[in-house]
Every structure is written in C-alpha cells, then in structure tokens.
Full PDB file with SEQRES, HELIX, SHEET, SSBOND, CRYST1, ORIGX, SCALE, CONECT and MASTER records, all heavy atoms in Angstrom:
SEQRES   1 A   31  LEU GLU LYS THR ARG ALA THR PRO ASN ALA LEU CYS LEU          
SEQRES   2 A   31  PHE GLN GLY PRO THR LEU SER GLY LYS SER THR ILE LEU          
SEQRES   3 A   31  ASN GLU PHE VAL ASP                                          
HELIX    1 AA1 GLU A    2  ALA A    6  1                                   5    
HELIX    2 AA2 LYS A   22  VAL A   30  1                                   9    
CRYST1    1.000    1.000    1.000  90.00  90.00  90.00 P 1           1          
ORIGX1      1.000000  0.000000  0.000000        0.00000                         
ORIGX2      0.000000  1.000000  0.000000        0.00000                         
ORIGX3      0.000000  0.000000  1.000000        0.00000                         
SCALE1      1.000000  0.000000  0.000000        0.00000                         
SCALE2      0.000000  1.000000  0.000000        0.00000                         
SCALE3      0.000000  0.000000  1.000000        0.00000                         
ATOM      1  N   LEU A   1      11.487 -19.289   5.415  1.00  0.00           N  
ATOM      2  CA  LEU A   1      12.072 -19.916   4.234  1.00  0.00           C  
ATOM      3  C   LEU A   1      12.969 -21.101   4.634  1.00  0.00           C  
ATOM      4  O   LEU A   1      13.001 -22.135   3.958  1.00  0.00           O  
ATOM      5  CB  LEU A   1      12.888 -18.859   3.438  1.00  0.00           C  
ATOM      6  CG  LEU A   1      12.040 -17.790   2.753  1.00  0.00           C  
ATOM      7  CD1 LEU A   1      12.942 -16.662   2.247  1.00  0.00           C  
ATOM      8  CD2 LEU A   1      11.217 -18.377   1.634  1.00  0.00           C  
ATOM      9  N   GLU A   2      13.710 -20.928   5.714  1.00  0.00           N  
ATOM     10  CA  GLU A   2      14.559 -22.046   6.169  1.00  0.00           C  
ATOM     11  C   GLU A   2      13.694 -23.197   6.672  1.00  0.00           C  
ATOM     12  O   GLU A   2      14.060 -24.374   6.431  1.00  0.00           O  
ATOM     13  CB  GLU A   2      15.476 -21.534   7.298  1.00  0.00           C  
ATOM     14  CG  GLU A   2      16.337 -22.612   7.971  1.00  0.00           C  
ATOM     15  CD  GLU A   2      17.194 -23.385   6.999  1.00  0.00           C  
ATOM     16  OE1 GLU A   2      17.562 -22.866   5.933  1.00  0.00           O  
ATOM     17  OE2 GLU A   2      17.507 -24.547   7.325  1.00  0.00           O  
ATOM     18  N   LYS A   3      12.599 -22.897   7.367  1.00  0.00           N  
ATOM     19  CA  LYS A   3      11.705 -24.006   7.787  1.00  0.00           C  
ATOM     20  C   LYS A   3      11.118 -24.743   6.573  1.00  0.00           C  
ATOM     21  O   LYS A   3      10.943 -25.954   6.598  1.00  0.00           O  
ATOM     22  CB  LYS A   3      10.571 -23.442   8.645  1.00  0.00           C  
ATOM     23  CG  LYS A   3      11.016 -23.001  10.025  1.00  0.00           C  
ATOM     24  CD  LYS A   3       9.853 -22.419  10.806  1.00  0.00           C  
ATOM     25  CE  LYS A   3      10.262 -21.923  12.183  1.00  0.00           C  
ATOM     26  NZ  LYS A   3       9.138 -21.279  12.917  1.00  0.00           N  
ATOM     27  N   THR A   4      10.822 -23.981   5.513  1.00  0.00           N  
ATOM     28  CA  THR A   4      10.312 -24.620   4.283  1.00  0.00           C  
ATOM     29  C   THR A   4      11.369 -25.567   3.702  1.00  0.00           C  
ATOM     30  O   THR A   4      11.058 -26.678   3.266  1.00  0.00           O  
ATOM     31  CB  THR A   4       9.960 -23.540   3.241  1.00  0.00           C  
ATOM     32  OG1 THR A   4       8.977 -22.658   3.785  1.00  0.00           O  
ATOM     33  CG2 THR A   4       9.424 -24.151   1.987  1.00  0.00           C  
ATOM     34  N   ARG A   5      12.612 -25.127   3.736  1.00  0.00           N  
ATOM     35  CA  ARG A   5      13.709 -26.005   3.225  1.00  0.00           C  
ATOM     36  C   ARG A   5      13.868 -27.242   4.087  1.00  0.00           C  
ATOM     37  O   ARG A   5      14.046 -28.346   3.567  1.00  0.00           O  
ATOM     38  CB  ARG A   5      15.030 -25.226   3.214  1.00  0.00           C  
ATOM     39  CG  ARG A   5      16.202 -26.028   2.644  1.00  0.00           C  
ATOM     40  CD  ARG A   5      17.521 -25.518   3.146  1.00  0.00           C  
ATOM     41  NE  ARG A   5      17.694 -25.694   4.563  1.00  0.00           N  
ATOM     42  CZ  ARG A   5      18.017 -26.842   5.131  1.00  0.00           C  
ATOM     43  NH1 ARG A   5      18.195 -27.927   4.402  1.00  0.00           N  
ATOM     44  NH2 ARG A   5      18.150 -26.941   6.432  1.00  0.00           N  
ATOM     45  N   ALA A   6      13.767 -27.093   5.388  1.00  0.00           N  
ATOM     46  CA  ALA A   6      14.083 -28.171   6.321  1.00  0.00           C  
ATOM     47  C   ALA A   6      12.905 -29.140   6.555  1.00  0.00           C  
ATOM     48  O   ALA A   6      13.125 -30.255   6.998  1.00  0.00           O  
ATOM     49  CB  ALA A   6      14.552 -27.630   7.652  1.00  0.00           C  
ATOM     50  N   THR A   7      11.679 -28.706   6.311  1.00  0.00           N  
ATOM     51  CA  THR A   7      10.537 -29.552   6.570  1.00  0.00           C  
ATOM     52  C   THR A   7      10.316 -30.543   5.416  1.00  0.00           C  
ATOM     53  O   THR A   7      10.321 -30.159   4.244  1.00  0.00           O  
ATOM     54  CB  THR A   7       9.252 -28.689   6.721  1.00  0.00           C  
ATOM     55  OG1 THR A   7       9.484 -27.739   7.779  1.00  0.00           O  
ATOM     56  CG2 THR A   7       8.041 -29.561   7.070  1.00  0.00           C  
ATOM     57  N   PRO A   8      10.159 -31.846   5.700  1.00  0.00           N  
ATOM     58  CA  PRO A   8      10.038 -32.852   4.640  1.00  0.00           C  
ATOM     59  C   PRO A   8       8.978 -32.554   3.605  1.00  0.00           C  
ATOM     60  O   PRO A   8       9.210 -32.695   2.401  1.00  0.00           O  
ATOM     61  CB  PRO A   8       9.733 -34.136   5.411  1.00  0.00           C  
ATOM     62  CG  PRO A   8      10.324 -33.932   6.776  1.00  0.00           C  
ATOM     63  CD  PRO A   8      10.146 -32.466   7.047  1.00  0.00           C  
ATOM     64  N   ASN A   9       7.796 -32.162   4.028  1.00  0.00           N  
ATOM     65  CA  ASN A   9       6.745 -31.795   3.109  1.00  0.00           C  
ATOM     66  C   ASN A   9       6.312 -30.355   3.400  1.00  0.00           C  
ATOM     67  O   ASN A   9       5.638 -30.093   4.377  1.00  0.00           O  
ATOM     68  CB  ASN A   9       5.532 -32.733   3.243  1.00  0.00           C  
ATOM     69  CG  ASN A   9       5.863 -34.144   2.749  1.00  0.00           C  
ATOM     70  OD1 ASN A   9       5.947 -34.385   1.584  1.00  0.00           O  
ATOM     71  ND2 ASN A   9       6.049 -35.061   3.713  1.00  0.00           N  
ATOM     72  N   ALA A  10       6.765 -29.459   2.543  1.00  0.00           N  
ATOM     73  CA  ALA A  10       6.493 -28.023   2.814  1.00  0.00           C  
ATOM     74  C   ALA A  10       6.325 -27.256   1.517  1.00  0.00           C  
ATOM     75  O   ALA A  10       6.953 -27.541   0.522  1.00  0.00           O  
ATOM     76  CB  ALA A  10       7.626 -27.422   3.635  1.00  0.00           C  
ATOM     77  N   LEU A  11       5.421 -26.275   1.573  1.00  0.00           N  
ATOM     78  CA  LEU A  11       5.218 -25.339   0.468  1.00  0.00           C  
ATOM     79  C   LEU A  11       4.908 -23.992   1.086  1.00  0.00           C  
ATOM     80  O   LEU A  11       4.101 -23.880   1.994  1.00  0.00           O  
ATOM     81  CB  LEU A  11       4.091 -25.818  -0.412  1.00  0.00           C  
ATOM     82  CG  LEU A  11       3.829 -25.030  -1.708  1.00  0.00           C  
ATOM     83  CD1 LEU A  11       3.298 -25.951  -2.810  1.00  0.00           C  
ATOM     84  CD2 LEU A  11       2.872 -23.890  -1.516  1.00  0.00           C  
ATOM     85  N   CYS A  12       5.580 -22.964   0.593  1.00  0.00           N  
ATOM     86  CA  CYS A  12       5.503 -21.635   1.200  1.00  0.00           C  
ATOM     87  C   CYS A  12       4.906 -20.629   0.243  1.00  0.00           C  
ATOM     88  O   CYS A  12       5.308 -20.547  -0.939  1.00  0.00           O  
ATOM     89  CB  CYS A  12       6.899 -21.206   1.626  1.00  0.00           C  
ATOM     90  SG  CYS A  12       6.976 -19.540   2.346  1.00  0.00           S  
ATOM     91  N   LEU A  13       3.968 -19.839   0.756  1.00  0.00           N  
ATOM     92  CA  LEU A  13       3.519 -18.629   0.072  1.00  0.00           C  
ATOM     93  C   LEU A  13       4.268 -17.455   0.701  1.00  0.00           C  
ATOM     94  O   LEU A  13       4.286 -17.297   1.910  1.00  0.00           O  
ATOM     95  CB  LEU A  13       2.004 -18.421   0.238  1.00  0.00           C  
ATOM     96  CG  LEU A  13       1.087 -19.562  -0.191  1.00  0.00           C  
ATOM     97  CD1 LEU A  13      -0.361 -19.141  -0.028  1.00  0.00           C  
ATOM     98  CD2 LEU A  13       1.362 -20.002  -1.607  1.00  0.00           C  
ATOM     99  N   PHE A  14       4.883 -16.630  -0.135  1.00  0.00           N  
ATOM    100  CA  PHE A  14       5.728 -15.523   0.325  1.00  0.00           C  
ATOM    101  C   PHE A  14       5.218 -14.246  -0.329  1.00  0.00           C  
ATOM    102  O   PHE A  14       5.405 -14.042  -1.543  1.00  0.00           O  
ATOM    103  CB  PHE A  14       7.180 -15.815  -0.053  1.00  0.00           C  
ATOM    104  CG  PHE A  14       8.160 -14.799   0.504  1.00  0.00           C  
ATOM    105  CD1 PHE A  14       8.542 -14.847   1.827  1.00  0.00           C  
ATOM    106  CD2 PHE A  14       8.712 -13.824  -0.301  1.00  0.00           C  
ATOM    107  CE1 PHE A  14       9.472 -13.909   2.323  1.00  0.00           C  
ATOM    108  CE2 PHE A  14       9.601 -12.896   0.180  1.00  0.00           C  
ATOM    109  CZ  PHE A  14       9.980 -12.967   1.485  1.00  0.00           C  
ATOM    110  N   GLN A  15       4.558 -13.384   0.460  1.00  0.00           N  
ATOM    111  CA  GLN A  15       3.860 -12.246  -0.128  1.00  0.00           C  
ATOM    112  C   GLN A  15       4.264 -10.927   0.524  1.00  0.00           C  
ATOM    113  O   GLN A  15       4.579 -10.872   1.709  1.00  0.00           O  
ATOM    114  CB  GLN A  15       2.341 -12.424   0.083  1.00  0.00           C  
ATOM    115  CG  GLN A  15       1.790 -13.666  -0.636  1.00  0.00           C  
ATOM    116  CD  GLN A  15       1.072 -14.635   0.334  1.00  0.00           C  
ATOM    117  OE1 GLN A  15      -0.076 -14.965   0.111  1.00  0.00           O  
ATOM    118  NE2 GLN A  15       1.710 -15.043   1.392  1.00  0.00           N  
ATOM    119  N   GLY A  16       4.274  -9.901  -0.287  1.00  0.00           N  
ATOM    120  CA  GLY A  16       4.594  -8.524   0.158  1.00  0.00           C  
ATOM    121  C   GLY A  16       4.390  -7.593  -0.991  1.00  0.00           C  
ATOM    122  O   GLY A  16       4.615  -7.969  -2.154  1.00  0.00           O  
ATOM    123  N   PRO A  17       3.969  -6.358  -0.736  1.00  0.00           N  
ATOM    124  CA  PRO A  17       3.720  -5.417  -1.819  1.00  0.00           C  
ATOM    125  C   PRO A  17       4.994  -5.043  -2.567  1.00  0.00           C  
ATOM    126  O   PRO A  17       6.097  -5.376  -2.149  1.00  0.00           O  
ATOM    127  CB  PRO A  17       3.109  -4.201  -1.122  1.00  0.00           C  
ATOM    128  CG  PRO A  17       3.601  -4.308   0.318  1.00  0.00           C  
ATOM    129  CD  PRO A  17       3.709  -5.771   0.598  1.00  0.00           C  
ATOM    130  N   THR A  18       4.853  -4.366  -3.692  1.00  0.00           N  
ATOM    131  CA  THR A  18       5.988  -3.918  -4.469  1.00  0.00           C  
ATOM    132  C   THR A  18       6.877  -3.049  -3.587  1.00  0.00           C  
ATOM    133  O   THR A  18       6.446  -2.206  -2.802  1.00  0.00           O  
ATOM    134  CB  THR A  18       5.500  -3.087  -5.658  1.00  0.00           C  
ATOM    135  OG1 THR A  18       4.622  -3.912  -6.459  1.00  0.00           O  
ATOM    136  CG2 THR A  18       6.681  -2.635  -6.512  1.00  0.00           C  
ATOM    137  N   LEU A  19       8.235  -3.314  -3.698  1.00  0.00           N  
ATOM    138  CA  LEU A  19       9.261  -2.593  -2.931  1.00  0.00           C  
ATOM    139  C   LEU A  19       9.214  -2.893  -1.442  1.00  0.00           C  
ATOM    140  O   LEU A  19       9.680  -2.072  -0.605  1.00  0.00           O  
ATOM    141  CB  LEU A  19       9.155  -1.091  -3.173  1.00  0.00           C  
ATOM    142  CG  LEU A  19       9.371  -0.613  -4.614  1.00  0.00           C  
ATOM    143  CD1 LEU A  19       9.158   0.884  -4.728  1.00  0.00           C  
ATOM    144  CD2 LEU A  19      10.740  -1.011  -5.109  1.00  0.00           C  
ATOM    145  N   SER A  20       8.684  -4.054  -1.070  1.00  0.00           N  
ATOM    146  CA  SER A  20       8.665  -4.431   0.339  1.00  0.00           C  
ATOM    147  C   SER A  20       9.889  -5.194   0.769  1.00  0.00           C  
ATOM    148  O   SER A  20      10.052  -5.539   1.959  1.00  0.00           O  
ATOM    149  CB  SER A  20       7.409  -5.310   0.626  1.00  0.00           C  
ATOM    150  OG  SER A  20       7.444  -6.474  -0.159  1.00  0.00           O  
ATOM    151  N   GLY A  21      10.807  -5.479  -0.186  1.00  0.00           N  
ATOM    152  CA  GLY A  21      12.063  -6.175   0.177  1.00  0.00           C  
ATOM    153  C   GLY A  21      12.054  -7.664  -0.161  1.00  0.00           C  
ATOM    154  O   GLY A  21      12.966  -8.393   0.278  1.00  0.00           O  
ATOM    155  N   LYS A  22      11.082  -8.137  -0.935  1.00  0.00           N  
ATOM    156  CA  LYS A  22      10.983  -9.598  -1.222  1.00  0.00           C  
ATOM    157  C   LYS A  22      12.228 -10.096  -1.930  1.00  0.00           C  
ATOM    158  O   LYS A  22      12.818 -11.099  -1.536  1.00  0.00           O  
ATOM    159  CB  LYS A  22       9.756  -9.868  -2.105  1.00  0.00           C  
ATOM    160  CG  LYS A  22       8.429  -9.543  -1.450  1.00  0.00           C  
ATOM    161  CD  LYS A  22       7.243 -10.045  -2.258  1.00  0.00           C  
ATOM    162  CE  LYS A  22       7.163  -9.428  -3.668  1.00  0.00           C  
ATOM    163  NZ  LYS A  22       6.950  -7.973  -3.636  1.00  0.00           N  
ATOM    164  N   SER A  23      12.655  -9.415  -2.995  1.00  0.00           N  
ATOM    165  CA  SER A  23      13.772  -9.900  -3.786  1.00  0.00           C  
ATOM    166  C   SER A  23      15.049  -9.930  -2.988  1.00  0.00           C  
ATOM    167  O   SER A  23      15.861 -10.866  -3.069  1.00  0.00           O  
ATOM    168  CB  SER A  23      13.950  -9.040  -5.058  1.00  0.00           C  
ATOM    169  OG  SER A  23      12.829  -9.165  -5.914  1.00  0.00           O  
ATOM    170  N   THR A  24      15.300  -8.876  -2.192  1.00  0.00           N  
ATOM    171  CA  THR A  24      16.474  -8.836  -1.320  1.00  0.00           C  
ATOM    172  C   THR A  24      16.535 -10.014  -0.380  1.00  0.00           C  
ATOM    173  O   THR A  24      17.570 -10.684  -0.205  1.00  0.00           O  
ATOM    174  CB  THR A  24      16.555  -7.510  -0.556  1.00  0.00           C  
ATOM    175  OG1 THR A  24      16.583  -6.423  -1.475  1.00  0.00           O  
ATOM    176  CG2 THR A  24      17.763  -7.443   0.349  1.00  0.00           C  
ATOM    177  N   ILE A  25      15.403 -10.317   0.224  1.00  0.00           N  
ATOM    178  CA  ILE A  25      15.356 -11.434   1.190  1.00  0.00           C  
ATOM    179  C   ILE A  25      15.538 -12.762   0.485  1.00  0.00           C  
ATOM    180  O   ILE A  25      16.252 -13.644   0.979  1.00  0.00           O  
ATOM    181  CB  ILE A  25      14.002 -11.392   1.952  1.00  0.00           C  
ATOM    182  CG1 ILE A  25      13.982 -10.145   2.861  1.00  0.00           C  
ATOM    183  CG2 ILE A  25      13.788 -12.631   2.768  1.00  0.00           C  
ATOM    184  CD1 ILE A  25      12.600  -9.892   3.498  1.00  0.00           C  
ATOM    185  N   LEU A  26      14.890 -12.935  -0.650  1.00  0.00           N  
ATOM    186  CA  LEU A  26      15.042 -14.191  -1.424  1.00  0.00           C  
ATOM    187  C   LEU A  26      16.461 -14.403  -1.857  1.00  0.00           C  
ATOM    188  O   LEU A  26      16.989 -15.531  -1.768  1.00  0.00           O  
ATOM    189  CB  LEU A  26      14.088 -14.190  -2.610  1.00  0.00           C  
ATOM    190  CG  LEU A  26      12.592 -14.282  -2.270  1.00  0.00           C  
ATOM    191  CD1 LEU A  26      11.755 -14.036  -3.497  1.00  0.00           C  
ATOM    192  CD2 LEU A  26      12.252 -15.644  -1.670  1.00  0.00           C  
ATOM    193  N   ASN A  27      17.134 -13.340  -2.311  1.00  0.00           N  
ATOM    194  CA  ASN A  27      18.531 -13.464  -2.721  1.00  0.00           C  
ATOM    195  C   ASN A  27      19.425 -13.835  -1.527  1.00  0.00           C  
ATOM    196  O   ASN A  27      20.317 -14.678  -1.644  1.00  0.00           O  
ATOM    197  CB  ASN A  27      19.025 -12.163  -3.353  1.00  0.00           C  
ATOM    198  CG  ASN A  27      18.445 -11.899  -4.707  1.00  0.00           C  
ATOM    199  OD1 ASN A  27      18.088 -12.845  -5.437  1.00  0.00           O  
ATOM    200  ND2 ASN A  27      18.341 -10.657  -5.112  1.00  0.00           N  
ATOM    201  N   GLU A  28      19.126 -13.214  -0.377  1.00  0.00           N  
ATOM    202  CA  GLU A  28      19.884 -13.547   0.832  1.00  0.00           C  
ATOM    203  C   GLU A  28      19.681 -14.999   1.226  1.00  0.00           C  
ATOM    204  O   GLU A  28      20.656 -15.686   1.609  1.00  0.00           O  
ATOM    205  CB  GLU A  28      19.454 -12.619   1.970  1.00  0.00           C  
ATOM    206  CG  GLU A  28      20.256 -12.810   3.235  1.00  0.00           C  
ATOM    207  CD  GLU A  28      19.812 -11.879   4.367  1.00  0.00           C  
ATOM    208  OE1 GLU A  28      18.838 -11.109   4.157  1.00  0.00           O  
ATOM    209  OE2 GLU A  28      20.423 -11.908   5.455  1.00  0.00           O  
ATOM    210  N   PHE A  29      18.458 -15.491   1.104  1.00  0.00           N  
ATOM    211  CA  PHE A  29      18.165 -16.880   1.437  1.00  0.00           C  
ATOM    212  C   PHE A  29      18.885 -17.829   0.501  1.00  0.00           C  
ATOM    213  O   PHE A  29      19.548 -18.800   0.945  1.00  0.00           O  
ATOM    214  CB  PHE A  29      16.655 -17.130   1.375  1.00  0.00           C  
ATOM    215  CG  PHE A  29      16.257 -18.566   1.449  1.00  0.00           C  
ATOM    216  CD1 PHE A  29      16.457 -19.295   2.605  1.00  0.00           C  
ATOM    217  CD2 PHE A  29      15.700 -19.194   0.340  1.00  0.00           C  
ATOM    218  CE1 PHE A  29      16.108 -20.646   2.684  1.00  0.00           C  
ATOM    219  CE2 PHE A  29      15.320 -20.541   0.400  1.00  0.00           C  
ATOM    220  CZ  PHE A  29      15.538 -21.254   1.559  1.00  0.00           C  
ATOM    221  N   VAL A  30      18.810 -17.572  -0.812  1.00  0.00           N  
ATOM    222  CA  VAL A  30      19.462 -18.446  -1.792  1.00  0.00           C  
ATOM    223  C   VAL A  30      20.978 -18.477  -1.573  1.00  0.00           C  
ATOM    224  O   VAL A  30      21.631 -19.522  -1.640  1.00  0.00           O  
ATOM    225  CB  VAL A  30      19.116 -18.016  -3.237  1.00  0.00           C  
ATOM    226  CG1 VAL A  30      19.949 -18.771  -4.247  1.00  0.00           C  
ATOM    227  CG2 VAL A  30      17.636 -18.253  -3.487  1.00  0.00           C  
ATOM    228  N   ASP A  31      21.565 -17.313  -1.280  1.00  0.00           N  
ATOM    229  CA  ASP A  31      23.017 -17.237  -1.058  1.00  0.00           C  
ATOM    230  C   ASP A  31      23.437 -18.002   0.202  1.00  0.00           C  
ATOM    231  O   ASP A  31      24.598 -18.409   0.310  1.00  0.00           O  
ATOM    232  CB  ASP A  31      23.457 -15.773  -0.911  1.00  0.00           C  
ATOM    233  CG  ASP A  31      23.400 -14.986  -2.204  1.00  0.00           C  
ATOM    234  OD1 ASP A  31      23.317 -15.639  -3.275  1.00  0.00           O  
ATOM    235  OD2 ASP A  31      23.381 -13.752  -2.168  1.00  0.00           O  
TER     236      ASP A  31                                                      
MASTER        0    0    0    2    0    0    0    6  235    1    0    3          
END                                                                             
C-alpha cells in the first residue's frame, strides 16, 4: 500500500477472504 502511494503511476488490487484482516490493515494504512 505504501509503494502504491509513493509510485507516480500505480494502482493496487488488494484481496483477501472475509475476516482475513483487510479492513484492519486499510484503517492502519490510512491512519
């Protein structure tokens, strides 16, 4: 996620099954 932010032209697919921790990680990244 940090590389996506720092790379001039970047788009990220972020995948994981339900309850795999996606939301927790995204909130940590945004914070």
